[in-house]
Amino acid sequence: MRRLIKNLVLIPIAIVLIALAVANRHSVTLSLDPFSPADPAVSINAPLFWYLFAAVAFGVLIGGIASWAGQGKWRKEARIKRREANRWHDEADRLKTVHEPAKGPALPSPTSSRNAA
């Protein structure tokens, strides 16, 4: 079910992105020199869709970093709970070894002694 929903979302997005790339194939100059617009010292010449895709990728990257940073308190709490659970498991294992019954010969059951008489 999850795969179907993922495909229902991603396939239309892919179609739109392909159409966008085909419609915006012409070359555009991105000038990084605000003081000389006629003859920029630093400029990049590339198809427009590259800039659009780079902007989307940059937005996804910034959103992922912001999301990761926002979940920091939950990751810290999970680490603390994991350590606490490991400590309790270790204590339970230690108590099991301390309180295990002796591994000696088993005593005869009361029902078998009645049958023998």
PDB file of N, CA and C in Angstrom:
ATOM      1  N   MET A   1       0.829  -1.191   0.000  1.00  0.00           N
ATOM      2  CA  MET A   1       0.000   0.000   0.000  1.00  0.00           C
ATOM      3  C   MET A   1       0.878   1.261   0.000  1.00  0.00           C
ATOM      4  N   ARG A   2       1.930   1.223   0.818  1.00  0.00           N
ATOM      5  CA  ARG A   2       2.826   2.375   0.903  1.00  0.00           C
ATOM      6  C   ARG A   2       3.525   2.630  -0.433  1.00  0.00           C
ATOM      7  N   ARG A   3       3.903   1.559  -1.096  1.00  0.00           N
ATOM      8  CA  ARG A   3       4.564   1.678  -2.404  1.00  0.00           C
ATOM      9  C   ARG A   3       3.622   2.306  -3.428  1.00  0.00           C
ATOM     10  N   LEU A   4       2.350   1.931  -3.391  1.00  0.00           N
ATOM     11  CA  LEU A   4       1.367   2.483  -4.321  1.00  0.00           C
ATOM     12  C   LEU A   4       1.204   3.980  -4.095  1.00  0.00           C
ATOM     13  N   ILE A   5       1.083   4.390  -2.842  1.00  0.00           N
ATOM     14  CA  ILE A   5       0.926   5.808  -2.534  1.00  0.00           C
ATOM     15  C   ILE A   5       2.171   6.584  -2.964  1.00  0.00           C
ATOM     16  N   LYS A   6       3.342   6.005  -2.705  1.00  0.00           N
ATOM     17  CA  LYS A   6       4.591   6.650  -3.108  1.00  0.00           C
ATOM     18  C   LYS A   6       4.634   6.840  -4.624  1.00  0.00           C
ATOM     19  N   ASN A   7       4.225   5.819  -5.363  1.00  0.00           N
ATOM     20  CA  ASN A   7       4.212   5.916  -6.825  1.00  0.00           C
ATOM     21  C   ASN A   7       3.166   6.921  -7.314  1.00  0.00           C
ATOM     22  N   LEU A   8       2.021   6.976  -6.641  1.00  0.00           N
ATOM     23  CA  LEU A   8       0.987   7.932  -7.034  1.00  0.00           C
ATOM     24  C   LEU A   8       1.441   9.376  -6.825  1.00  0.00           C
ATOM     25  N   VAL A   9       2.361   9.597  -5.919  1.00  0.00           N
ATOM     26  CA  VAL A   9       2.878  10.938  -5.681  1.00  0.00           C
ATOM     27  C   VAL A   9       4.087  11.228  -6.566  1.00  0.00           C
ATOM     28  N   LEU A  10       5.012  10.279  -6.645  1.00  0.00           N
ATOM     29  CA  LEU A  10       6.277  10.535  -7.340  1.00  0.00           C
ATOM     30  C   LEU A  10       6.154  10.553  -8.863  1.00  0.00           C
ATOM     31  N   ILE A  11       5.294   9.749  -9.425  1.00  0.00           N
ATOM     32  CA  ILE A  11       5.163   9.711 -10.891  1.00  0.00           C
ATOM     33  C   ILE A  11       4.653  11.047 -11.440  1.00  0.00           C
ATOM     34  N   PRO A  12       3.601  11.651 -10.869  1.00  0.00           N
ATOM     35  CA  PRO A  12       3.200  12.976 -11.385  1.00  0.00           C
ATOM     36  C   PRO A  12       4.278  14.040 -11.179  1.00  0.00           C
ATOM     37  N   ILE A  13       5.000  13.985 -10.078  1.00  0.00           N
ATOM     38  CA  ILE A  13       6.082  14.956  -9.856  1.00  0.00           C
ATOM     39  C   ILE A  13       7.162  14.775 -10.919  1.00  0.00           C
ATOM     40  N   ALA A  14       7.513  13.538 -11.233  1.00  0.00           N
ATOM     41  CA  ALA A  14       8.523  13.278 -12.258  1.00  0.00           C
ATOM     42  C   ALA A  14       8.055  13.782 -13.618  1.00  0.00           C
ATOM     43  N   ILE A  15       6.795  13.587 -13.942  1.00  0.00           N
ATOM     44  CA  ILE A  15       6.257  14.058 -15.223  1.00  0.00           C
ATOM     45  C   ILE A  15       6.332  15.579 -15.308  1.00  0.00           C
ATOM     46  N   VAL A  16       5.972  16.259 -14.218  1.00  0.00           N
ATOM     47  CA  VAL A  16       6.027  17.723 -14.200  1.00  0.00           C
ATOM     48  C   VAL A  16       7.468  18.203 -14.328  1.00  0.00           C
ATOM     49  N   LEU A  17       8.403  17.554 -13.645  1.00  0.00           N
ATOM     50  CA  LEU A  17       9.806  17.963 -13.728  1.00  0.00           C
ATOM     51  C   LEU A  17      10.381  17.744 -15.118  1.00  0.00           C
ATOM     52  N   ILE A  18      10.012  16.660 -15.765  1.00  0.00           N
ATOM     53  CA  ILE A  18      10.489  16.408 -17.130  1.00  0.00           C
ATOM     54  C   ILE A  18       9.919  17.454 -18.087  1.00  0.00           C
ATOM     55  N   ALA A  19       8.636  17.768 -17.931  1.00  0.00           N
ATOM     56  CA  ALA A  19       8.023  18.798 -18.777  1.00  0.00           C
ATOM     57  C   ALA A  19       8.677  20.159 -18.540  1.00  0.00           C
ATOM     58  N   LEU A  20       8.988  20.457 -17.293  1.00  0.00           N
ATOM     59  CA  LEU A  20       9.659  21.705 -16.956  1.00  0.00           C
ATOM     60  C   LEU A  20      11.050  21.771 -17.582  1.00  0.00           C
ATOM     61  N   ALA A  21      11.772  20.666 -17.539  1.00  0.00           N
ATOM     62  CA  ALA A  21      13.112  20.630 -18.118  1.00  0.00           C
ATOM     63  C   ALA A  21      13.060  20.799 -19.637  1.00  0.00           C
ATOM     64  N   VAL A  22      12.092  20.186 -20.283  1.00  0.00           N
ATOM     65  CA  VAL A  22      11.981  20.292 -21.740  1.00  0.00           C
ATOM     66  C   VAL A  22      11.565  21.703 -22.142  1.00  0.00           C
ATOM     67  N   ALA A  23      10.678  22.325 -21.378  1.00  0.00           N
ATOM     68  CA  ALA A  23      10.194  23.678 -21.712  1.00  0.00           C
ATOM     69  C   ALA A  23      11.235  24.750 -21.433  1.00  0.00           C
ATOM     70  N   ASN A  24      12.186  24.498 -20.554  1.00  0.00           N
ATOM     71  CA  ASN A  24      13.175  25.514 -20.161  1.00  0.00           C
ATOM     72  C   ASN A  24      14.592  25.086 -20.501  1.00  0.00           C
ATOM     73  N   ARG A  25      14.798  24.712 -21.757  1.00  0.00           N
ATOM     74  CA  ARG A  25      16.116  24.261 -22.193  1.00  0.00           C
ATOM     75  C   ARG A  25      17.044  25.399 -22.573  1.00  0.00           C
ATOM     76  N   HIS A  26      16.511  26.594 -22.771  1.00  0.00           N
ATOM     77  CA  HIS A  26      17.352  27.692 -23.241  1.00  0.00           C
ATOM     78  C   HIS A  26      18.369  28.106 -22.174  1.00  0.00           C
ATOM     79  N   SER A  27      19.484  28.614 -22.652  1.00  0.00           N
ATOM     80  CA  SER A  27      20.589  28.966 -21.772  1.00  0.00           C
ATOM     81  C   SER A  27      20.343  30.328 -21.117  1.00  0.00           C
ATOM     82  N   VAL A  28      20.694  30.409 -19.835  1.00  0.00           N
ATOM     83  CA  VAL A  28      20.506  31.632 -19.059  1.00  0.00           C
ATOM     84  C   VAL A  28      21.815  31.933 -18.351  1.00  0.00           C
ATOM     85  N   THR A  29      22.150  33.214 -18.239  1.00  0.00           N
ATOM     86  CA  THR A  29      23.362  33.616 -17.529  1.00  0.00           C
ATOM     87  C   THR A  29      22.996  34.039 -16.118  1.00  0.00           C
ATOM     88  N   LEU A  30      23.622  33.408 -15.154  1.00  0.00           N
ATOM     89  CA  LEU A  30      23.447  33.765 -13.747  1.00  0.00           C
ATOM     90  C   LEU A  30      24.655  34.607 -13.366  1.00  0.00           C
ATOM     91  N   SER A  31      24.426  35.879 -13.093  1.00  0.00           N
ATOM     92  CA  SER A  31      25.511  36.795 -12.774  1.00  0.00           C
ATOM     93  C   SER A  31      25.643  36.910 -11.263  1.00  0.00           C
ATOM     94  N   LEU A  32      26.859  36.746 -10.772  1.00  0.00           N
ATOM     95  CA  LEU A  32      27.130  36.868  -9.344  1.00  0.00           C
ATOM     96  C   LEU A  32      27.894  38.160  -9.033  1.00  0.00           C
ATOM     97  N   ASP A  33      27.923  39.090  -9.991  1.00  0.00           N
ATOM     98  CA  ASP A  33      28.612  40.367  -9.820  1.00  0.00           C
ATOM     99  C   ASP A  33      27.580  41.500  -9.875  1.00  0.00           C
ATOM    100  N   PRO A  34      27.170  42.036  -8.723  1.00  0.00           N
ATOM    101  CA  PRO A  34      26.130  43.069  -8.727  1.00  0.00           C
ATOM    102  C   PRO A  34      26.630  44.434  -9.198  1.00  0.00           C
ATOM    103  N   PHE A  35      27.931  44.653  -9.302  1.00  0.00           N
ATOM    104  CA  PHE A  35      28.466  45.966  -9.632  1.00  0.00           C
ATOM    105  C   PHE A  35      28.658  46.171 -11.135  1.00  0.00           C
ATOM    106  N   SER A  36      28.747  45.111 -11.902  1.00  0.00           N
ATOM    107  CA  SER A  36      28.942  45.247 -13.339  1.00  0.00           C
ATOM    108  C   SER A  36      27.987  44.308 -14.080  1.00  0.00           C
ATOM    109  N   PRO A  37      26.728  44.706 -14.235  1.00  0.00           N
ATOM    110  CA  PRO A  37      25.767  43.807 -14.883  1.00  0.00           C
ATOM    111  C   PRO A  37      26.036  43.618 -16.382  1.00  0.00           C
ATOM    112  N   ALA A  38      26.667  44.586 -17.026  1.00  0.00           N
ATOM    113  CA  ALA A  38      26.924  44.458 -18.461  1.00  0.00           C
ATOM    114  C   ALA A  38      28.042  43.463 -18.740  1.00  0.00           C
ATOM    115  N   ASP A  39      29.089  43.481 -17.933  1.00  0.00           N
ATOM    116  CA  ASP A  39      30.219  42.570 -18.108  1.00  0.00           C
ATOM    117  C   ASP A  39      30.575  41.959 -16.747  1.00  0.00           C
ATOM    118  N   PRO A  40      29.814  40.955 -16.301  1.00  0.00           N
ATOM    119  CA  PRO A  40      30.045  40.407 -14.971  1.00  0.00           C
ATOM    120  C   PRO A  40      31.362  39.637 -14.889  1.00  0.00           C
ATOM    121  N   ALA A  41      32.033  39.797 -13.756  1.00  0.00           N
ATOM    122  CA  ALA A  41      33.295  39.085 -13.532  1.00  0.00           C
ATOM    123  C   ALA A  41      33.037  37.616 -13.231  1.00  0.00           C
ATOM    124  N   VAL A  42      31.980  37.358 -12.487  1.00  0.00           N
ATOM    125  CA  VAL A  42      31.629  35.979 -12.124  1.00  0.00           C
ATOM    126  C   VAL A  42      30.226  35.696 -12.646  1.00  0.00           C
ATOM    127  N   SER A  43      30.142  34.789 -13.589  1.00  0.00           N
ATOM    128  CA  SER A  43      28.829  34.415 -14.127  1.00  0.00           C
ATOM    129  C   SER A  43      28.864  32.954 -14.546  1.00  0.00           C
ATOM    130  N   ILE A  44      27.676  32.374 -14.541  1.00  0.00           N
ATOM    131  CA  ILE A  44      27.522  30.967 -14.922  1.00  0.00           C
ATOM    132  C   ILE A  44      26.474  30.911 -16.023  1.00  0.00           C
ATOM    133  N   ASN A  45      26.786  30.218 -17.085  1.00  0.00           N
ATOM    134  CA  ASN A  45      25.871  30.050 -18.202  1.00  0.00           C
ATOM    135  C   ASN A  45      25.388  28.601 -18.217  1.00  0.00           C
ATOM    136  N   ALA A  46      24.093  28.382 -18.018  1.00  0.00           N
ATOM    137  CA  ALA A  46      23.541  27.020 -17.987  1.00  0.00           C
ATOM    138  C   ALA A  46      22.067  27.087 -18.359  1.00  0.00           C
ATOM    139  N   PRO A  47      21.484  25.938 -18.716  1.00  0.00           N
ATOM    140  CA  PRO A  47      20.046  25.917 -18.989  1.00  0.00           C
ATOM    141  C   PRO A  47      19.253  26.282 -17.730  1.00  0.00           C
ATOM    142  N   LEU A  48      18.125  26.911 -17.930  1.00  0.00           N
ATOM    143  CA  LEU A  48      17.304  27.390 -16.809  1.00  0.00           C
ATOM    144  C   LEU A  48      16.876  26.256 -15.886  1.00  0.00           C
ATOM    145  N   PHE A  49      16.568  25.078 -16.435  1.00  0.00           N
ATOM    146  CA  PHE A  49      16.079  24.001 -15.573  1.00  0.00           C
ATOM    147  C   PHE A  49      17.145  23.536 -14.588  1.00  0.00           C
ATOM    148  N   TRP A  50      18.428  23.723 -14.918  1.00  0.00           N
ATOM    149  CA  TRP A  50      19.480  23.359 -13.956  1.00  0.00           C
ATOM    150  C   TRP A  50      19.376  24.240 -12.717  1.00  0.00           C
ATOM    151  N   TYR A  51      19.149  25.523 -12.940  1.00  0.00           N
ATOM    152  CA  TYR A  51      19.002  26.437 -11.811  1.00  0.00           C
ATOM    153  C   TYR A  51      17.767  26.081 -10.979  1.00  0.00           C
ATOM    154  N   LEU A  52      16.681  25.738 -11.668  1.00  0.00           N
ATOM    155  CA  LEU A  52      15.454  25.375 -10.953  1.00  0.00           C
ATOM    156  C   LEU A  52      15.653  24.098 -10.136  1.00  0.00           C
ATOM    157  N   PHE A  53      16.269  23.092 -10.735  1.00  0.00           N
ATOM    158  CA  PHE A  53      16.519  21.844 -10.013  1.00  0.00           C
ATOM    159  C   PHE A  53      17.487  22.063  -8.857  1.00  0.00           C
ATOM    160  N   ALA A  54      18.492  22.922  -9.065  1.00  0.00           N
ATOM    161  CA  ALA A  54      19.446  23.218  -7.983  1.00  0.00           C
ATOM    162  C   ALA A  54      18.739  23.916  -6.830  1.00  0.00           C
ATOM    163  N   ALA A  55      17.811  24.812  -7.150  1.00  0.00           N
ATOM    164  CA  ALA A  55      17.059  25.504  -6.102  1.00  0.00           C
ATOM    165  C   ALA A  55      16.187  24.516  -5.317  1.00  0.00           C
ATOM    166  N   VAL A  56      15.550  23.587  -6.012  1.00  0.00           N
ATOM    167  CA  VAL A  56      14.733  22.573  -5.333  1.00  0.00           C
ATOM    168  C   VAL A  56      15.616  21.675  -4.463  1.00  0.00           C
ATOM    169  N   ALA A  57      16.744  21.240  -4.990  1.00  0.00           N
ATOM    170  CA  ALA A  57      17.654  20.386  -4.218  1.00  0.00           C
ATOM    171  C   ALA A  57      18.176  21.121  -2.992  1.00  0.00           C
ATOM    172  N   PHE A  58      18.505  22.405  -3.152  1.00  0.00           N
ATOM    173  CA  PHE A  58      18.973  23.202  -2.018  1.00  0.00           C
ATOM    174  C   PHE A  58      17.877  23.324  -0.960  1.00  0.00           C
ATOM    175  N   GLY A  59      16.642  23.519  -1.392  1.00  0.00           N
ATOM    176  CA  GLY A  59      15.511  23.598  -0.458  1.00  0.00           C
ATOM    177  C   GLY A  59      15.293  22.294   0.290  1.00  0.00           C
ATOM    178  N   VAL A  60      15.418  21.171  -0.419  1.00  0.00           N
ATOM    179  CA  VAL A  60      15.277  19.864   0.233  1.00  0.00           C
ATOM    180  C   VAL A  60      16.392  19.657   1.252  1.00  0.00           C
ATOM    181  N   LEU A  61      17.598  20.044   0.884  1.00  0.00           N
ATOM    182  CA  LEU A  61      18.745  19.913   1.791  1.00  0.00           C
ATOM    183  C   LEU A  61      18.552  20.763   3.045  1.00  0.00           C
ATOM    184  N   ILE A  62      18.176  22.016   2.881  1.00  0.00           N
ATOM    185  CA  ILE A  62      17.961  22.903   4.025  1.00  0.00           C
ATOM    186  C   ILE A  62      16.798  22.392   4.882  1.00  0.00           C
ATOM    187  N   GLY A  63      15.735  21.918   4.254  1.00  0.00           N
ATOM    188  CA  GLY A  63      14.603  21.365   5.006  1.00  0.00           C
ATOM    189  C   GLY A  63      14.992  20.120   5.790  1.00  0.00           C
ATOM    190  N   GLY A  64      15.809  19.259   5.185  1.00  0.00           N
ATOM    191  CA  GLY A  64      16.269  18.060   5.885  1.00  0.00           C
ATOM    192  C   GLY A  64      17.142  18.392   7.071  1.00  0.00           C
ATOM    193  N   ILE A  65      18.034  19.363   6.906  1.00  0.00           N
ATOM    194  CA  ILE A  65      18.896  19.773   8.018  1.00  0.00           C
ATOM    195  C   ILE A  65      18.059  20.387   9.135  1.00  0.00           C
ATOM    196  N   ALA A  66      17.087  21.226   8.789  1.00  0.00           N
ATOM    197  CA  ALA A  66      16.227  21.838   9.795  1.00  0.00           C
ATOM    198  C   ALA A  66      15.403  20.788  10.523  1.00  0.00           C
ATOM    199  N   SER A  67      14.898  19.818   9.802  1.00  0.00           N
ATOM    200  CA  SER A  67      14.125  18.734  10.419  1.00  0.00           C
ATOM    201  C   SER A  67      14.994  17.909  11.357  1.00  0.00           C
ATOM    202  N   TRP A  68      16.201  17.576  10.914  1.00  0.00           N
ATOM    203  CA  TRP A  68      17.131  16.800  11.728  1.00  0.00           C
ATOM    204  C   TRP A  68      17.482  17.569  12.998  1.00  0.00           C
ATOM    205  N   ALA A  69      17.736  18.858  12.873  1.00  0.00           N
ATOM    206  CA  ALA A  69      18.085  19.673  14.041  1.00  0.00           C
ATOM    207  C   ALA A  69      16.898  19.791  14.990  1.00  0.00           C
ATOM    208  N   GLY A  70      15.701  19.883  14.454  1.00  0.00           N
ATOM    209  CA  GLY A  70      14.510  19.996  15.293  1.00  0.00           C
ATOM    210  C   GLY A  70      14.186  18.733  16.070  1.00  0.00           C
ATOM    211  N   GLN A  71      14.646  17.592  15.581  1.00  0.00           N
ATOM    212  CA  GLN A  71      14.367  16.325  16.254  1.00  0.00           C
ATOM    213  C   GLN A  71      15.475  15.928  17.226  1.00  0.00           C
ATOM    214  N   GLY A  72      16.408  16.828  17.482  1.00  0.00           N
ATOM    215  CA  GLY A  72      17.544  16.521  18.350  1.00  0.00           C
ATOM    216  C   GLY A  72      17.133  16.108  19.753  1.00  0.00           C
ATOM    217  N   LYS A  73      16.126  16.784  20.324  1.00  0.00           N
ATOM    218  CA  LYS A  73      15.727  16.435  21.688  1.00  0.00           C
ATOM    219  C   LYS A  73      15.126  15.036  21.746  1.00  0.00           C
ATOM    220  N   TRP A  74      14.456  14.613  20.681  1.00  0.00           N
ATOM    221  CA  TRP A  74      13.870  13.271  20.667  1.00  0.00           C
ATOM    222  C   TRP A  74      14.957  12.210  20.520  1.00  0.00           C
ATOM    223  N   ARG A  75      15.990  12.498  19.716  1.00  0.00           N
ATOM    224  CA  ARG A  75      17.100  11.549  19.593  1.00  0.00           C
ATOM    225  C   ARG A  75      17.852  11.425  20.907  1.00  0.00           C
ATOM    226  N   LYS A  76      18.028  12.552  21.616  1.00  0.00           N
ATOM    227  CA  LYS A  76      18.709  12.519  22.910  1.00  0.00           C
ATOM    228  C   LYS A  76      17.898  11.696  23.902  1.00  0.00           C
ATOM    229  N   GLU A  77      16.588  11.902  23.929  1.00  0.00           N
ATOM    230  CA  GLU A  77      15.739  11.135  24.840  1.00  0.00           C
ATOM    231  C   GLU A  77      15.776   9.642  24.506  1.00  0.00           C
ATOM    232  N   ALA A  78      15.801   9.306  23.222  1.00  0.00           N
ATOM    233  CA  ALA A  78      15.877   7.895  22.820  1.00  0.00           C
ATOM    234  C   ALA A  78      17.197   7.272  23.260  1.00  0.00           C
ATOM    235  N   ARG A  79      18.306   8.023  23.158  1.00  0.00           N
ATOM    236  CA  ARG A  79      19.598   7.510  23.631  1.00  0.00           C
ATOM    237  C   ARG A  79      19.567   7.245  25.129  1.00  0.00           C
ATOM    238  N   ILE A  80      18.989   8.168  25.880  1.00  0.00           N
ATOM    239  CA  ILE A  80      18.913   8.002  27.336  1.00  0.00           C
ATOM    240  C   ILE A  80      18.069   6.777  27.672  1.00  0.00           C
ATOM    241  N   LYS A  81      16.923   6.626  27.032  1.00  0.00           N
ATOM    242  CA  LYS A  81      16.041   5.474  27.297  1.00  0.00           C
ATOM    243  C   LYS A  81      16.707   4.167  26.883  1.00  0.00           C
ATOM    244  N   ARG A  82      17.470   4.185  25.794  1.00  0.00           N
ATOM    245  CA  ARG A  82      18.163   2.972  25.353  1.00  0.00           C
ATOM    246  C   ARG A  82      19.213   2.557  26.384  1.00  0.00           C
ATOM    247  N   ARG A  83      19.967   3.540  26.903  1.00  0.00           N
ATOM    248  CA  ARG A  83      20.960   3.227  27.938  1.00  0.00           C
ATOM    249  C   ARG A  83      20.298   2.683  29.191  1.00  0.00           C
ATOM    250  N   GLU A  84      19.177   3.286  29.571  1.00  0.00           N
ATOM    251  CA  GLU A  84      18.454   2.827  30.756  1.00  0.00           C
ATOM    252  C   GLU A  84      17.934   1.400  30.549  1.00  0.00           C
ATOM    253  N   ALA A  85      17.397   1.121  29.374  1.00  0.00           N
ATOM    254  CA  ALA A  85      16.893  -0.224  29.091  1.00  0.00           C
ATOM    255  C   ALA A  85      18.036  -1.229  29.111  1.00  0.00           C
ATOM    256  N   ASN A  86      19.186  -0.883  28.545  1.00  0.00           N
ATOM    257  CA  ASN A  86      20.340  -1.786  28.578  1.00  0.00           C
ATOM    258  C   ASN A  86      20.799  -2.037  30.007  1.00  0.00           C
ATOM    259  N   ARG A  87      20.774  -0.991  30.834  1.00  0.00           N
ATOM    260  CA  ARG A  87      21.165  -1.157  32.233  1.00  0.00           C
ATOM    261  C   ARG A  87      20.207  -2.115  32.952  1.00  0.00           C
ATOM    262  N   TRP A  88      18.897  -1.970  32.706  1.00  0.00           N
ATOM    263  CA  TRP A  88      17.918  -2.864  33.346  1.00  0.00           C
ATOM    264  C   TRP A  88      18.065  -4.297  32.838  1.00  0.00           C
ATOM    265  N   HIS A  89      18.334  -4.463  31.544  1.00  0.00           N
ATOM    266  CA  HIS A  89      18.543  -5.810  30.996  1.00  0.00           C
ATOM    267  C   HIS A  89      19.776  -6.462  31.612  1.00  0.00           C
ATOM    268  N   ASP A  90      20.846  -5.676  31.756  1.00  0.00           N
ATOM    269  CA  ASP A  90      22.063  -6.217  32.369  1.00  0.00           C
ATOM    270  C   ASP A  90      21.804  -6.618  33.818  1.00  0.00           C
ATOM    271  N   GLU A  91      21.042  -5.794  34.534  1.00  0.00           N
ATOM    272  CA  GLU A  91      20.737  -6.130  35.930  1.00  0.00           C
ATOM    273  C   GLU A  91      19.858  -7.375  36.006  1.00  0.00           C
ATOM    274  N   ALA A  92      18.900  -7.510  35.105  1.00  0.00           N
ATOM    275  CA  ALA A  92      18.048  -8.701  35.095  1.00  0.00           C
ATOM    276  C   ALA A  92      18.871  -9.949  34.791  1.00  0.00           C
ATOM    277  N   ASP A  93      19.800  -9.853  33.847  1.00  0.00           N
ATOM    278  CA  ASP A  93      20.671 -10.994  33.542  1.00  0.00           C
ATOM    279  C   ASP A  93      21.542 -11.350  34.738  1.00  0.00           C
ATOM    280  N   ARG A  94      22.048 -10.332  35.428  1.00  0.00           N
ATOM    281  CA  ARG A  94      22.885 -10.578  36.610  1.00  0.00           C
ATOM    282  C   ARG A  94      22.071 -11.256  37.704  1.00  0.00           C
ATOM    283  N   LEU A  95      20.851 -10.805  37.915  1.00  0.00           N
ATOM    284  CA  LEU A  95      20.007 -11.412  38.949  1.00  0.00           C
ATOM    285  C   LEU A  95      19.601 -12.834  38.585  1.00  0.00           C
ATOM    286  N   LYS A  96      19.426 -13.113  37.309  1.00  0.00           N
ATOM    287  CA  LYS A  96      19.095 -14.475  36.888  1.00  0.00           C
ATOM    288  C   LYS A  96      20.230 -15.428  37.221  1.00  0.00           C
ATOM    289  N   THR A  97      21.462 -14.987  36.984  1.00  0.00           N
ATOM    290  CA  THR A  97      22.597 -15.870  37.278  1.00  0.00           C
ATOM    291  C   THR A  97      22.782 -16.048  38.779  1.00  0.00           C
ATOM    292  N   VAL A  98      22.474 -15.041  39.579  1.00  0.00           N
ATOM    293  CA  VAL A  98      22.622 -15.143  41.038  1.00  0.00           C
ATOM    294  C   VAL A  98      21.556 -16.064  41.619  1.00  0.00           C
ATOM    295  N   HIS A  99      20.347 -15.987  41.147  1.00  0.00           N
ATOM    296  CA  HIS A  99      19.225 -16.725  41.728  1.00  0.00           C
ATOM    297  C   HIS A  99      18.827 -17.975  40.957  1.00  0.00           C
ATOM    298  N   GLU A 100      19.688 -18.480  40.100  1.00  0.00           N
ATOM    299  CA  GLU A 100      19.355 -19.708  39.379  1.00  0.00           C
ATOM    300  C   GLU A 100      19.391 -20.880  40.354  1.00  0.00           C
ATOM    301  N   PRO A 101      18.492 -21.846  40.213  1.00  0.00           N
ATOM    302  CA  PRO A 101      18.534 -23.023  41.090  1.00  0.00           C
ATOM    303  C   PRO A 101      19.776 -23.850  40.787  1.00  0.00           C
ATOM    304  N   ALA A 102      20.221 -24.591  41.797  1.00  0.00           N
ATOM    305  CA  ALA A 102      21.415 -25.421  41.648  1.00  0.00           C
ATOM    306  C   ALA A 102      21.175 -26.479  40.581  1.00  0.00           C
ATOM    307  N   LYS A 103      22.213 -26.818  39.848  1.00  0.00           N
ATOM    308  CA  LYS A 103      22.103 -27.781  38.750  1.00  0.00           C
ATOM    309  C   LYS A 103      22.525 -29.176  39.245  1.00  0.00           C
ATOM    310  N   GLY A 104      22.012 -29.609  40.372  1.00  0.00           N
ATOM    311  CA  GLY A 104      22.357 -30.930  40.910  1.00  0.00           C
ATOM    312  C   GLY A 104      21.394 -31.985  40.410  1.00  0.00           C
ATOM    313  N   PRO A 105      21.497 -33.208  40.960  1.00  0.00           N
ATOM    314  CA  PRO A 105      20.568 -34.264  40.549  1.00  0.00           C
ATOM    315  C   PRO A 105      19.151 -33.934  40.999  1.00  0.00           C
ATOM    316  N   ALA A 106      18.212 -34.267  40.166  1.00  0.00           N
ATOM    317  CA  ALA A 106      16.821 -33.971  40.470  1.00  0.00           C
ATOM    318  C   ALA A 106      16.286 -34.935  41.514  1.00  0.00           C
ATOM    319  N   LEU A 107      15.438 -34.452  42.393  1.00  0.00           N
ATOM    320  CA  LEU A 107      14.806 -35.299  43.397  1.00  0.00           C
ATOM    321  C   LEU A 107      13.703 -36.110  42.737  1.00  0.00           C
ATOM    322  N   PRO A 108      13.450 -37.305  43.218  1.00  0.00           N
ATOM    323  CA  PRO A 108      12.346 -38.093  42.632  1.00  0.00           C
ATOM    324  C   PRO A 108      11.016 -37.406  42.955  1.00  0.00           C
ATOM    325  N   SER A 109      10.104 -37.513  42.025  1.00  0.00           N
ATOM    326  CA  SER A 109       8.808 -36.895  42.243  1.00  0.00           C
ATOM    327  C   SER A 109       7.995 -37.736  43.212  1.00  0.00           C
ATOM    328  N   PRO A 110       7.104 -37.117  43.948  1.00  0.00           N
ATOM    329  CA  PRO A 110       6.306 -37.882  44.938  1.00  0.00           C
ATOM    330  C   PRO A 110       5.417 -38.928  44.299  1.00  0.00           C
ATOM    331  N   THR A 111       4.985 -38.745  43.080  1.00  0.00           N
ATOM    332  CA  THR A 111       4.105 -39.731  42.442  1.00  0.00           C
ATOM    333  C   THR A 111       4.882 -40.981  42.068  1.00  0.00           C
ATOM    334  N   SER A 112       6.158 -40.896  41.730  1.00  0.00           N
ATOM    335  CA  SER A 112       6.914 -42.081  41.355  1.00  0.00           C
ATOM    336  C   SER A 112       7.248 -42.934  42.566  1.00  0.00           C
ATOM    337  N   SER A 113       7.371 -42.343  43.755  1.00  0.00           N
ATOM    338  CA  SER A 113       7.658 -43.142  44.947  1.00  0.00           C
ATOM    339  C   SER A 113       6.422 -43.920  45.388  1.00  0.00           C
ATOM    340  N   ARG A 114       5.233 -43.401  45.161  1.00  0.00           N
ATOM    341  CA  ARG A 114       4.018 -44.124  45.504  1.00  0.00           C
ATOM    342  C   ARG A 114       3.819 -45.328  44.577  1.00  0.00           C
ATOM    343  N   ASN A 115       4.151 -45.165  43.324  1.00  0.00           N
ATOM    344  CA  ASN A 115       3.978 -46.241  42.361  1.00  0.00           C
ATOM    345  C   ASN A 115       4.950 -47.376  42.631  1.00  0.00           C
ATOM    346  N   ALA A 116       6.125 -47.066  43.188  1.00  0.00           N
ATOM    347  CA  ALA A 116       7.129 -48.098  43.436  1.00  0.00           C
ATOM    348  C   ALA A 116       6.730 -48.967  44.613  1.00  0.00           C
ATOM    349  N   ALA A 117       5.967 -48.485  45.575  1.00  0.00           N
ATOM    350  CA  ALA A 117       5.615 -49.235  46.775  1.00  0.00           C
ATOM    351  C   ALA A 117       4.519 -50.183  46.569  1.00  0.00           C
TER     352      ALA A 117
END
